[in-house]
Structures are given as structure tokens and as C-alpha cells.
């Protein structure tokens, strides 16, 4: 399974597409497809039917759609857009910002 440098709960900025310039939190990452689901980015409308016996209401619902990993950039808390590097100490691997060297929050 391929690994991504962007993980869940990271703050990212959209670099390309209709939502260019927006920032949001990563809700979910899909390493197999190379996409991430970003909060309030690429919102699409979907028709939802009401289910009999359940309390779901039918209508038009809005939800986020995955965006390609190449169209987002991780935001460093100190310098802004960041490219991700790794620092290996023993058996642990930590993510760092390549621009300023700040340690980025790890995957949880």
C-alpha cells in the first residue's frame, strides 16, 4: 500500500481547481487512489431517497468529494505552504517542513 505525506486532521491548502485558495482539514485520506477528502472543499450535491422504516429524510444532500493529492499542499504552522521531508532517528520517522525545518504533527 503506498503511503502519503498528508494524513488525517492535517490542514491543507488547495492549489488547483475550482476551489483554489481554500484551506481545510483533511477528513480522510485514500492512499490507493492518491486522493484526500478535505472539509468544505469540492462540495457536490447528491439526491438521497428516504428509507422506509428509518428516520432519514429524502432530498438533495451536499457532501465533500475527494480531491487529488497533487492539488493540495500541507500548511506549516510557521511558514505557510510546506513540502514534506522526513527525519529518521533510530526507528522513528518524523515529518518536517523542508523550508524552515519545523517538525510537523505526526499521524495519529
PDB file of N, CA and C in Angstrom:
ATOM      1  N   UNK A   1       0.841  -1.176   0.000  1.00  0.00           N
ATOM      2  CA  UNK A   1       0.000   0.000   0.000  1.00  0.00           C
ATOM      3  C   UNK A   1       0.893   1.249   0.000  1.00  0.00           C
ATOM      4  N   UNK A   2       0.684   2.172  -0.930  1.00  0.00           N
ATOM      5  CA  UNK A   2       1.504   3.380  -0.963  1.00  0.00           C
ATOM      6  C   UNK A   2       1.193   4.283   0.228  1.00  0.00           C
ATOM      7  N   UNK A   3       2.175   5.084   0.627  1.00  0.00           N
ATOM      8  CA  UNK A   3       1.959   5.999   1.745  1.00  0.00           C
ATOM      9  C   UNK A   3       1.874   7.431   1.224  1.00  0.00           C
ATOM     10  N   UNK A   4       1.172   8.264   1.961  1.00  0.00           N
ATOM     11  CA  UNK A   4       1.019   9.667   1.610  1.00  0.00           C
ATOM     12  C   UNK A   4       1.720  10.528   2.648  1.00  0.00           C
ATOM     13  N   UNK A   5       2.174  11.701   2.242  1.00  0.00           N
ATOM     14  CA  UNK A   5       2.796  12.619   3.195  1.00  0.00           C
ATOM     15  C   UNK A   5       1.750  13.483   3.890  1.00  0.00           C
ATOM     16  N   UNK A   6       0.498  13.394   3.456  1.00  0.00           N
ATOM     17  CA  UNK A   6      -0.595  14.133   4.078  1.00  0.00           C
ATOM     18  C   UNK A   6      -1.501  13.133   4.774  1.00  0.00           C
ATOM     19  N   UNK A   7      -1.788  13.400   6.042  1.00  0.00           N
ATOM     20  CA  UNK A   7      -2.580  12.484   6.850  1.00  0.00           C
ATOM     21  C   UNK A   7      -3.871  13.137   7.316  1.00  0.00           C
ATOM     22  N   UNK A   8      -4.697  12.343   7.991  1.00  0.00           N
ATOM     23  CA  UNK A   8      -5.954  12.832   8.535  1.00  0.00           C
ATOM     24  C   UNK A   8      -5.697  13.928   9.574  1.00  0.00           C
ATOM     25  N   UNK A   9      -6.569  14.929   9.612  1.00  0.00           N
ATOM     26  CA  UNK A   9      -6.523  16.083  10.521  1.00  0.00           C
ATOM     27  C   UNK A   9      -5.412  17.072  10.199  1.00  0.00           C
ATOM     28  N   UNK A  10      -4.702  16.926   9.075  1.00  0.00           N
ATOM     29  CA  UNK A  10      -3.743  17.942   8.639  1.00  0.00           C
ATOM     30  C   UNK A  10      -4.505  19.103   8.015  1.00  0.00           C
ATOM     31  N   UNK A  11      -3.936  20.296   8.101  1.00  0.00           N
ATOM     32  CA  UNK A  11      -4.509  21.458   7.438  1.00  0.00           C
ATOM     33  C   UNK A  11      -3.820  21.619   6.099  1.00  0.00           C
ATOM     34  N   UNK A  12      -4.621  21.693   5.027  1.00  0.00           N
ATOM     35  CA  UNK A  12      -4.071  21.799   3.680  1.00  0.00           C
ATOM     36  C   UNK A  12      -4.686  22.989   2.949  1.00  0.00           C
ATOM     37  N   UNK A  13      -3.987  23.417   1.890  1.00  0.00           N
ATOM     38  CA  UNK A  13      -4.468  24.485   1.024  1.00  0.00           C
ATOM     39  C   UNK A  13      -4.617  23.924  -0.377  1.00  0.00           C
ATOM     40  N   UNK A  14      -5.723  24.267  -1.045  1.00  0.00           N
ATOM     41  CA  UNK A  14      -5.983  23.770  -2.397  1.00  0.00           C
ATOM     42  C   UNK A  14      -5.203  24.637  -3.385  1.00  0.00           C
ATOM     43  N   UNK A  15      -4.425  23.994  -4.253  1.00  0.00           N
ATOM     44  CA  UNK A  15      -3.570  24.700  -5.204  1.00  0.00           C
ATOM     45  C   UNK A  15      -4.191  24.844  -6.583  1.00  0.00           C
ATOM     46  N   UNK A  16      -5.091  23.943  -6.960  1.00  0.00           N
ATOM     47  CA  UNK A  16      -5.648  23.955  -8.314  1.00  0.00           C
ATOM     48  C   UNK A  16      -7.102  23.550  -8.280  1.00  0.00           C
ATOM     49  N   UNK A  17      -7.833  23.969  -9.292  1.00  0.00           N
ATOM     50  CA  UNK A  17      -9.235  23.592  -9.414  1.00  0.00           C
ATOM     51  C   UNK A  17     -10.159  24.753  -9.080  1.00  0.00           C
ATOM     52  N   UNK A  18     -11.433  24.447  -9.027  1.00  0.00           N
ATOM     53  CA  UNK A  18     -12.447  25.475  -8.781  1.00  0.00           C
ATOM     54  C   UNK A  18     -12.361  26.043  -7.371  1.00  0.00           C
ATOM     55  N   UNK A  19     -11.857  25.264  -6.417  1.00  0.00           N
ATOM     56  CA  UNK A  19     -11.752  25.704  -5.028  1.00  0.00           C
ATOM     57  C   UNK A  19     -10.352  26.189  -4.682  1.00  0.00           C
ATOM     58  N   UNK A  20      -9.610  26.690  -5.655  1.00  0.00           N
ATOM     59  CA  UNK A  20      -8.241  27.135  -5.444  1.00  0.00           C
ATOM     60  C   UNK A  20      -8.181  28.232  -4.377  1.00  0.00           C
ATOM     61  N   UNK A  21      -7.228  28.090  -3.456  1.00  0.00           N
ATOM     62  CA  UNK A  21      -7.043  29.086  -2.400  1.00  0.00           C
ATOM     63  C   UNK A  21      -7.731  28.737  -1.091  1.00  0.00           C
ATOM     64  N   UNK A  22      -8.664  27.807  -1.120  1.00  0.00           N
ATOM     65  CA  UNK A  22      -9.366  27.434   0.112  1.00  0.00           C
ATOM     66  C   UNK A  22      -8.463  26.570   0.979  1.00  0.00           C
ATOM     67  N   UNK A  23      -8.654  26.704   2.291  1.00  0.00           N
ATOM     68  CA  UNK A  23      -7.937  25.845   3.218  1.00  0.00           C
ATOM     69  C   UNK A  23      -8.946  25.015   3.986  1.00  0.00           C
ATOM     70  N   UNK A  24      -8.528  23.849   4.423  1.00  0.00           N
ATOM     71  CA  UNK A  24      -9.426  22.977   5.155  1.00  0.00           C
ATOM     72  C   UNK A  24      -8.673  21.841   5.824  1.00  0.00           C
ATOM     73  N   UNK A  25      -9.401  21.120   6.652  1.00  0.00           N
ATOM     74  CA  UNK A  25      -8.846  19.993   7.393  1.00  0.00           C
ATOM     75  C   UNK A  25      -9.110  18.711   6.605  1.00  0.00           C
ATOM     76  N   UNK A  26      -8.134  17.817   6.567  1.00  0.00           N
ATOM     77  CA  UNK A  26      -8.284  16.544   5.861  1.00  0.00           C
ATOM     78  C   UNK A  26      -9.164  15.631   6.712  1.00  0.00           C
ATOM     79  N   UNK A  27     -10.289  15.213   6.141  1.00  0.00           N
ATOM     80  CA  UNK A  27     -11.202  14.315   6.832  1.00  0.00           C
ATOM     81  C   UNK A  27     -10.783  12.861   6.668  1.00  0.00           C
ATOM     82  N   UNK A  28     -10.286  12.525   5.493  1.00  0.00           N
ATOM     83  CA  UNK A  28      -9.920  11.145   5.204  1.00  0.00           C
ATOM     84  C   UNK A  28      -8.915  11.123   4.057  1.00  0.00           C
ATOM     85  N   UNK A  29      -7.991  10.180   4.086  1.00  0.00           N
ATOM     86  CA  UNK A  29      -7.009  10.013   3.014  1.00  0.00           C
ATOM     87  C   UNK A  29      -7.203   8.646   2.371  1.00  0.00           C
ATOM     88  N   UNK A  30      -7.092   8.611   1.056  1.00  0.00           N
ATOM     89  CA  UNK A  30      -7.219   7.366   0.297  1.00  0.00           C
ATOM     90  C   UNK A  30      -5.894   7.100  -0.416  1.00  0.00           C
ATOM     91  N   UNK A  31      -4.940   6.379   0.232  1.00  0.00           N
ATOM     92  CA  UNK A  31      -3.623   6.165  -0.379  1.00  0.00           C
ATOM     93  C   UNK A  31      -3.673   5.365  -1.681  1.00  0.00           C
ATOM     94  N   UNK A  32      -4.597   4.415  -1.790  1.00  0.00           N
ATOM     95  CA  UNK A  32      -4.671   3.598  -3.004  1.00  0.00           C
ATOM     96  C   UNK A  32      -5.009   4.431  -4.230  1.00  0.00           C
ATOM     97  N   UNK A  33      -5.895   5.411  -4.055  1.00  0.00           N
ATOM     98  CA  UNK A  33      -6.334   6.250  -5.168  1.00  0.00           C
ATOM     99  C   UNK A  33      -5.531   7.541  -5.287  1.00  0.00           C
ATOM    100  N   UNK A  34      -4.751   7.891  -4.252  1.00  0.00           N
ATOM    101  CA  UNK A  34      -3.972   9.132  -4.274  1.00  0.00           C
ATOM    102  C   UNK A  34      -4.835  10.359  -4.100  1.00  0.00           C
ATOM    103  N   UNK A  35      -5.910  10.246  -3.321  1.00  0.00           N
ATOM    104  CA  UNK A  35      -6.815  11.367  -3.101  1.00  0.00           C
ATOM    105  C   UNK A  35      -7.032  11.599  -1.610  1.00  0.00           C
ATOM    106  N   UNK A  36      -7.521  12.793  -1.282  1.00  0.00           N
ATOM    107  CA  UNK A  36      -7.874  13.134   0.094  1.00  0.00           C
ATOM    108  C   UNK A  36      -9.238  13.808   0.099  1.00  0.00           C
ATOM    109  N   UNK A  37      -9.927  13.689   1.213  1.00  0.00           N
ATOM    110  CA  UNK A  37     -11.228  14.314   1.405  1.00  0.00           C
ATOM    111  C   UNK A  37     -11.009  15.510   2.322  1.00  0.00           C
ATOM    112  N   UNK A  38     -11.238  16.727   1.817  1.00  0.00           N
ATOM    113  CA  UNK A  38     -10.962  17.952   2.562  1.00  0.00           C
ATOM    114  C   UNK A  38     -12.282  18.606   2.950  1.00  0.00           C
ATOM    115  N   UNK A  39     -12.341  19.077   4.185  1.00  0.00           N
ATOM    116  CA  UNK A  39     -13.551  19.682   4.735  1.00  0.00           C
ATOM    117  C   UNK A  39     -13.900  20.970   3.976  1.00  0.00           C
ATOM    118  N   UNK A  40     -15.132  21.088   3.513  1.00  0.00           N
ATOM    119  CA  UNK A  40     -15.686  22.257   2.802  1.00  0.00           C
ATOM    120  C   UNK A  40     -14.994  22.540   1.462  1.00  0.00           C
ATOM    121  N   UNK A  41     -14.413  21.528   0.843  1.00  0.00           N
ATOM    122  CA  UNK A  41     -13.782  21.682  -0.468  1.00  0.00           C
ATOM    123  C   UNK A  41     -14.385  20.658  -1.407  1.00  0.00           C
ATOM    124  N   UNK A  42     -14.675  21.082  -2.622  1.00  0.00           N
ATOM    125  CA  UNK A  42     -15.277  20.257  -3.669  1.00  0.00           C
ATOM    126  C   UNK A  42     -16.591  19.639  -3.187  1.00  0.00           C
ATOM    127  N   UNK A  43     -17.484  20.502  -2.756  1.00  0.00           N
ATOM    128  CA  UNK A  43     -18.785  20.076  -2.254  1.00  0.00           C
ATOM    129  C   UNK A  43     -19.688  19.797  -3.447  1.00  0.00           C
ATOM    130  N   UNK A  44     -20.283  18.603  -3.477  1.00  0.00           N
ATOM    131  CA  UNK A  44     -21.175  18.204  -4.555  1.00  0.00           C
ATOM    132  C   UNK A  44     -22.551  17.902  -3.968  1.00  0.00           C
ATOM    133  N   UNK A  45     -23.559  17.977  -4.827  1.00  0.00           N
ATOM    134  CA  UNK A  45     -24.918  17.675  -4.399  1.00  0.00           C
ATOM    135  C   UNK A  45     -25.288  16.271  -4.847  1.00  0.00           C
ATOM    136  N   UNK A  46     -26.019  15.577  -3.998  1.00  0.00           N
ATOM    137  CA  UNK A  46     -26.402  14.197  -4.278  1.00  0.00           C
ATOM    138  C   UNK A  46     -27.848  14.010  -3.847  1.00  0.00           C
ATOM    139  N   UNK A  47     -28.623  13.325  -4.682  1.00  0.00           N
ATOM    140  CA  UNK A  47     -30.009  13.063  -4.307  1.00  0.00           C
ATOM    141  C   UNK A  47     -30.050  11.865  -3.369  1.00  0.00           C
ATOM    142  N   UNK A  48     -30.833  12.004  -2.310  1.00  0.00           N
ATOM    143  CA  UNK A  48     -30.941  10.962  -1.297  1.00  0.00           C
ATOM    144  C   UNK A  48     -32.410  10.605  -1.164  1.00  0.00           C
ATOM    145  N   UNK A  49     -32.708   9.309  -1.241  1.00  0.00           N
ATOM    146  CA  UNK A  49     -34.093   8.876  -1.088  1.00  0.00           C
ATOM    147  C   UNK A  49     -34.352   8.531   0.366  1.00  0.00           C
ATOM    148  N   UNK A  50     -35.593   8.721   0.784  1.00  0.00           N
ATOM    149  CA  UNK A  50     -35.937   8.385   2.160  1.00  0.00           C
ATOM    150  C   UNK A  50     -36.096   6.870   2.271  1.00  0.00           C
ATOM    151  N   UNK A  51     -35.609   6.328   3.353  1.00  0.00           N
ATOM    152  CA  UNK A  51     -35.671   4.889   3.578  1.00  0.00           C
ATOM    153  C   UNK A  51     -36.888   4.571   4.450  1.00  0.00           C
ATOM    154  N   UNK A  52     -37.639   3.595   4.045  1.00  0.00           N
ATOM    155  CA  UNK A  52     -38.818   3.220   4.810  1.00  0.00           C
ATOM    156  C   UNK A  52     -38.379   2.478   6.072  1.00  0.00           C
ATOM    157  N   UNK A  53     -38.929   2.855   7.204  1.00  0.00           N
ATOM    158  CA  UNK A  53     -38.568   2.243   8.471  1.00  0.00           C
ATOM    159  C   UNK A  53     -37.415   2.936   9.163  1.00  0.00           C
ATOM    160  N   UNK A  54     -36.718   3.831   8.452  1.00  0.00           N
ATOM    161  CA  UNK A  54     -35.644   4.608   9.072  1.00  0.00           C
ATOM    162  C   UNK A  54     -36.057   6.065   9.110  1.00  0.00           C
ATOM    163  N   UNK A  55     -35.360   6.844   9.863  1.00  0.00           N
ATOM    164  CA  UNK A  55     -35.742   8.251  10.022  1.00  0.00           C
ATOM    165  C   UNK A  55     -34.931   9.174   9.114  1.00  0.00           C
ATOM    166  N   UNK A  56     -34.508   8.688   7.967  1.00  0.00           N
ATOM    167  CA  UNK A  56     -33.775   9.541   7.033  1.00  0.00           C
ATOM    168  C   UNK A  56     -34.756  10.275   6.139  1.00  0.00           C
ATOM    169  N   UNK A  57     -34.457  11.536   5.920  1.00  0.00           N
ATOM    170  CA  UNK A  57     -35.324  12.365   5.092  1.00  0.00           C
ATOM    171  C   UNK A  57     -34.731  12.438   3.692  1.00  0.00           C
ATOM    172  N   UNK A  58     -35.556  12.281   2.700  1.00  0.00           N
ATOM    173  CA  UNK A  58     -35.100  12.360   1.324  1.00  0.00           C
ATOM    174  C   UNK A  58     -34.915  13.798   0.884  1.00  0.00           C
ATOM    175  N   UNK A  59     -34.223  13.984  -0.216  1.00  0.00           N
ATOM    176  CA  UNK A  59     -33.998  15.322  -0.756  1.00  0.00           C
ATOM    177  C   UNK A  59     -32.632  15.410  -1.402  1.00  0.00           C
ATOM    178  N   UNK A  60     -32.098  16.621  -1.442  1.00  0.00           N
ATOM    179  CA  UNK A  60     -30.784  16.857  -2.033  1.00  0.00           C
ATOM    180  C   UNK A  60     -29.811  17.145  -0.902  1.00  0.00           C
ATOM    181  N   UNK A  61     -28.790  16.323  -0.784  1.00  0.00           N
ATOM    182  CA  UNK A  61     -27.789  16.474   0.278  1.00  0.00           C
ATOM    183  C   UNK A  61     -26.464  16.922  -0.333  1.00  0.00           C
ATOM    184  N   UNK A  62     -25.689  17.677   0.432  1.00  0.00           N
ATOM    185  CA  UNK A  62     -24.369  18.118  -0.005  1.00  0.00           C
ATOM    186  C   UNK A  62     -23.309  17.381   0.810  1.00  0.00           C
ATOM    187  N   UNK A  63     -22.251  16.949   0.131  1.00  0.00           N
ATOM    188  CA  UNK A  63     -21.132  16.327   0.825  1.00  0.00           C
ATOM    189  C   UNK A  63     -19.860  16.564   0.029  1.00  0.00           C
ATOM    190  N   UNK A  64     -18.721  16.361   0.688  1.00  0.00           N
ATOM    191  CA  UNK A  64     -17.434  16.583   0.047  1.00  0.00           C
ATOM    192  C   UNK A  64     -17.079  15.405  -0.861  1.00  0.00           C
ATOM    193  N   UNK A  65     -16.337  15.712  -1.900  1.00  0.00           N
ATOM    194  CA  UNK A  65     -15.866  14.704  -2.834  1.00  0.00           C
ATOM    195  C   UNK A  65     -14.332  14.693  -2.780  1.00  0.00           C
ATOM    196  N   UNK A  66     -13.685  13.553  -3.002  1.00  0.00           N
ATOM    197  CA  UNK A  66     -12.220  13.504  -2.914  1.00  0.00           C
ATOM    198  C   UNK A  66     -11.534  14.386  -3.953  1.00  0.00           C
ATOM    199  N   UNK A  67     -10.369  14.909  -3.587  1.00  0.00           N
ATOM    200  CA  UNK A  67      -9.561  15.737  -4.468  1.00  0.00           C
ATOM    201  C   UNK A  67      -8.180  15.104  -4.580  1.00  0.00           C
ATOM    202  N   UNK A  68      -7.556  15.225  -5.729  1.00  0.00           N
ATOM    203  CA  UNK A  68      -6.257  14.600  -5.963  1.00  0.00           C
ATOM    204  C   UNK A  68      -5.209  15.187  -5.036  1.00  0.00           C
ATOM    205  N   UNK A  69      -4.304  14.339  -4.574  1.00  0.00           N
ATOM    206  CA  UNK A  69      -3.271  14.744  -3.617  1.00  0.00           C
ATOM    207  C   UNK A  69      -2.318  15.776  -4.221  1.00  0.00           C
ATOM    208  N   UNK A  70      -2.171  15.768  -5.550  1.00  0.00           N
ATOM    209  CA  UNK A  70      -1.261  16.718  -6.191  1.00  0.00           C
ATOM    210  C   UNK A  70      -1.829  18.129  -6.216  1.00  0.00           C
ATOM    211  N   UNK A  71      -3.117  18.283  -5.934  1.00  0.00           N
ATOM    212  CA  UNK A  71      -3.747  19.601  -5.957  1.00  0.00           C
ATOM    213  C   UNK A  71      -3.847  20.250  -4.586  1.00  0.00           C
ATOM    214  N   UNK A  72      -3.245  19.642  -3.563  1.00  0.00           N
ATOM    215  CA  UNK A  72      -3.261  20.227  -2.232  1.00  0.00           C
ATOM    216  C   UNK A  72      -1.837  20.314  -1.691  1.00  0.00           C
ATOM    217  N   UNK A  73      -1.602  21.282  -0.796  1.00  0.00           N
ATOM    218  CA  UNK A  73      -0.301  21.438  -0.147  1.00  0.00           C
ATOM    219  C   UNK A  73      -0.512  21.521   1.350  1.00  0.00           C
ATOM    220  N   UNK A  74       0.339  20.856   2.084  1.00  0.00           N
ATOM    221  CA  UNK A  74       0.298  20.883   3.539  1.00  0.00           C
ATOM    222  C   UNK A  74       0.699  22.265   4.026  1.00  0.00           C
ATOM    223  N   UNK A  75       0.037  22.751   5.083  1.00  0.00           N
ATOM    224  CA  UNK A  75       0.346  24.065   5.627  1.00  0.00           C
ATOM    225  C   UNK A  75       1.194  23.899   6.876  1.00  0.00           C
ATOM    226  N   UNK A  76       2.370  24.528   6.857  1.00  0.00           N
ATOM    227  CA  UNK A  76       3.268  24.535   8.005  1.00  0.00           C
ATOM    228  C   UNK A  76       2.784  25.620   8.973  1.00  0.00           C
ATOM    229  N   UNK A  77       2.784  25.347  10.285  1.00  0.00           N
ATOM    230  CA  UNK A  77       2.308  26.361  11.240  1.00  0.00           C
ATOM    231  C   UNK A  77       3.151  27.627  11.268  1.00  0.00           C
ATOM    232  N   UNK A  78       4.413  27.571  10.817  1.00  0.00           N
ATOM    233  CA  UNK A  78       5.271  28.748  10.897  1.00  0.00           C
ATOM    234  C   UNK A  78       5.464  29.478   9.578  1.00  0.00           C
ATOM    235  N   UNK A  79       5.563  28.739   8.456  1.00  0.00           N
ATOM    236  CA  UNK A  79       5.933  29.418   7.207  1.00  0.00           C
ATOM    237  C   UNK A  79       4.914  29.329   6.079  1.00  0.00           C
ATOM    238  N   UNK A  80       3.822  28.642   6.246  1.00  0.00           N
ATOM    239  CA  UNK A  80       2.813  28.564   5.186  1.00  0.00           C
ATOM    240  C   UNK A  80       2.867  27.244   4.441  1.00  0.00           C
ATOM    241  N   UNK A  81       2.750  27.295   3.094  1.00  0.00           N
ATOM    242  CA  UNK A  81       2.783  26.061   2.300  1.00  0.00           C
ATOM    243  C   UNK A  81       4.105  25.343   2.514  1.00  0.00           C
ATOM    244  N   UNK A  82       4.031  24.024   2.690  1.00  0.00           N
ATOM    245  CA  UNK A  82       5.234  23.260   3.008  1.00  0.00           C
ATOM    246  C   UNK A  82       5.367  22.048   2.117  1.00  0.00           C
ATOM    247  N   UNK A  83       6.610  21.731   1.805  1.00  0.00           N
ATOM    248  CA  UNK A  83       6.918  20.442   1.221  1.00  0.00           C
ATOM    249  C   UNK A  83       7.393  19.576   2.370  1.00  0.00           C
ATOM    250  N   UNK A  84       7.014  18.324   2.341  1.00  0.00           N
ATOM    251  CA  UNK A  84       7.261  17.450   3.479  1.00  0.00           C
ATOM    252  C   UNK A  84       8.545  16.664   3.277  1.00  0.00           C
ATOM    253  N   UNK A  85       9.388  16.678   4.310  1.00  0.00           N
ATOM    254  CA  UNK A  85      10.580  15.850   4.354  1.00  0.00           C
ATOM    255  C   UNK A  85      10.490  14.967   5.585  1.00  0.00           C
ATOM    256  N   UNK A  86      11.401  14.028   5.697  1.00  0.00           N
ATOM    257  CA  UNK A  86      11.390  13.109   6.837  1.00  0.00           C
ATOM    258  C   UNK A  86      12.739  13.119   7.523  1.00  0.00           C
ATOM    259  N   UNK A  87      12.701  13.082   8.869  1.00  0.00           N
ATOM    260  CA  UNK A  87      13.916  12.969   9.669  1.00  0.00           C
ATOM    261  C   UNK A  87      13.838  11.633  10.392  1.00  0.00           C
ATOM    262  N   UNK A  88      14.829  10.787  10.181  1.00  0.00           N
ATOM    263  CA  UNK A  88      14.826   9.450  10.771  1.00  0.00           C
ATOM    264  C   UNK A  88      15.790   9.430  11.946  1.00  0.00           C
ATOM    265  N   UNK A  89      15.249   9.093  13.114  1.00  0.00           N
ATOM    266  CA  UNK A  89      16.061   8.957  14.320  1.00  0.00           C
ATOM    267  C   UNK A  89      15.824   7.559  14.879  1.00  0.00           C
ATOM    268  N   UNK A  90      16.771   6.699  14.710  1.00  0.00           N
ATOM    269  CA  UNK A  90      16.605   5.316  15.158  1.00  0.00           C
ATOM    270  C   UNK A  90      15.546   4.615  14.328  1.00  0.00           C
ATOM    271  N   UNK A  91      14.473   4.198  14.979  1.00  0.00           N
ATOM    272  CA  UNK A  91      13.376   3.542  14.256  1.00  0.00           C
ATOM    273  C   UNK A  91      12.192   4.465  14.031  1.00  0.00           C
ATOM    274  N   UNK A  92      12.248   5.693  14.573  1.00  0.00           N
ATOM    275  CA  UNK A  92      11.117   6.614  14.402  1.00  0.00           C
ATOM    276  C   UNK A  92      11.357   7.533  13.208  1.00  0.00           C
ATOM    277  N   UNK A  93      10.274   7.869  12.541  1.00  0.00           N
ATOM    278  CA  UNK A  93      10.334   8.742  11.368  1.00  0.00           C
ATOM    279  C   UNK A  93       9.387   9.911  11.602  1.00  0.00           C
ATOM    280  N   UNK A  94       9.903  11.139  11.595  1.00  0.00           N
ATOM    281  CA  UNK A  94       9.075  12.324  11.836  1.00  0.00           C
ATOM    282  C   UNK A  94       9.040  13.176  10.584  1.00  0.00           C
ATOM    283  N   UNK A  95       7.896  13.828  10.367  1.00  0.00           N
ATOM    284  CA  UNK A  95       7.741  14.716   9.215  1.00  0.00           C
ATOM    285  C   UNK A  95       8.270  16.095   9.573  1.00  0.00           C
ATOM    286  N   UNK A  96       8.982  16.720   8.639  1.00  0.00           N
ATOM    287  CA  UNK A  96       9.489  18.066   8.852  1.00  0.00           C
ATOM    288  C   UNK A  96       9.162  18.924   7.631  1.00  0.00           C
ATOM    289  N   UNK A  97       9.112  20.237   7.847  1.00  0.00           N
ATOM    290  CA  UNK A  97       8.934  21.196   6.751  1.00  0.00           C
ATOM    291  C   UNK A  97      10.294  21.403   6.102  1.00  0.00           C
ATOM    292  N   UNK A  98      10.366  21.277   4.788  1.00  0.00           N
ATOM    293  CA  UNK A  98      11.642  21.420   4.102  1.00  0.00           C
ATOM    294  C   UNK A  98      12.112  22.864   4.054  1.00  0.00           C
ATOM    295  N   UNK A  99      11.188  23.818   4.190  1.00  0.00           N
ATOM    296  CA  UNK A  99      11.556  25.225   4.107  1.00  0.00           C
ATOM    297  C   UNK A  99      12.186  25.721   5.398  1.00  0.00           C
ATOM    298  N   UNK A 100      11.539  25.457   6.543  1.00  0.00           N
ATOM    299  CA  UNK A 100      12.017  26.004   7.814  1.00  0.00           C
ATOM    300  C   UNK A 100      12.541  24.960   8.785  1.00  0.00           C
ATOM    301  N   UNK A 101      12.310  23.670   8.511  1.00  0.00           N
ATOM    302  CA  UNK A 101      12.811  22.613   9.371  1.00  0.00           C
ATOM    303  C   UNK A 101      11.956  22.322  10.585  1.00  0.00           C
ATOM    304  N   UNK A 102      10.778  22.947  10.672  1.00  0.00           N
ATOM    305  CA  UNK A 102       9.881  22.719  11.801  1.00  0.00           C
ATOM    306  C   UNK A 102       9.296  21.307  11.736  1.00  0.00           C
ATOM    307  N   UNK A 103       9.195  20.675  12.886  1.00  0.00           N
ATOM    308  CA  UNK A 103       8.583  19.345  12.945  1.00  0.00           C
ATOM    309  C   UNK A 103       7.076  19.479  12.803  1.00  0.00           C
ATOM    310  N   UNK A 104       6.499  18.719  11.889  1.00  0.00           N
ATOM    311  CA  UNK A 104       5.056  18.752  11.646  1.00  0.00           C
ATOM    312  C   UNK A 104       4.377  17.730  12.530  1.00  0.00           C
ATOM    313  N   UNK A 105       3.095  17.958  12.877  1.00  0.00           N
ATOM    314  CA  UNK A 105       2.389  16.988  13.713  1.00  0.00           C
ATOM    315  C   UNK A 105       2.362  15.616  13.043  1.00  0.00           C
ATOM    316  N   UNK A 106       2.458  14.579  13.858  1.00  0.00           N
ATOM    317  CA  UNK A 106       2.521  13.227  13.309  1.00  0.00           C
ATOM    318  C   UNK A 106       1.140  12.623  13.164  1.00  0.00           C
ATOM    319  N   UNK A 107       1.076  11.539  12.429  1.00  0.00           N
ATOM    320  CA  UNK A 107      -0.166  10.808  12.185  1.00  0.00           C
ATOM    321  C   UNK A 107      -0.645  10.154  13.481  1.00  0.00           C
ATOM    322  N   UNK A 108      -1.935  10.269  13.750  1.00  0.00           N
ATOM    323  CA  UNK A 108      -2.496   9.669  14.963  1.00  0.00           C
ATOM    324  C   UNK A 108      -3.601   8.727  14.642  1.00  0.00           C
TER     325      UNK A 108
END
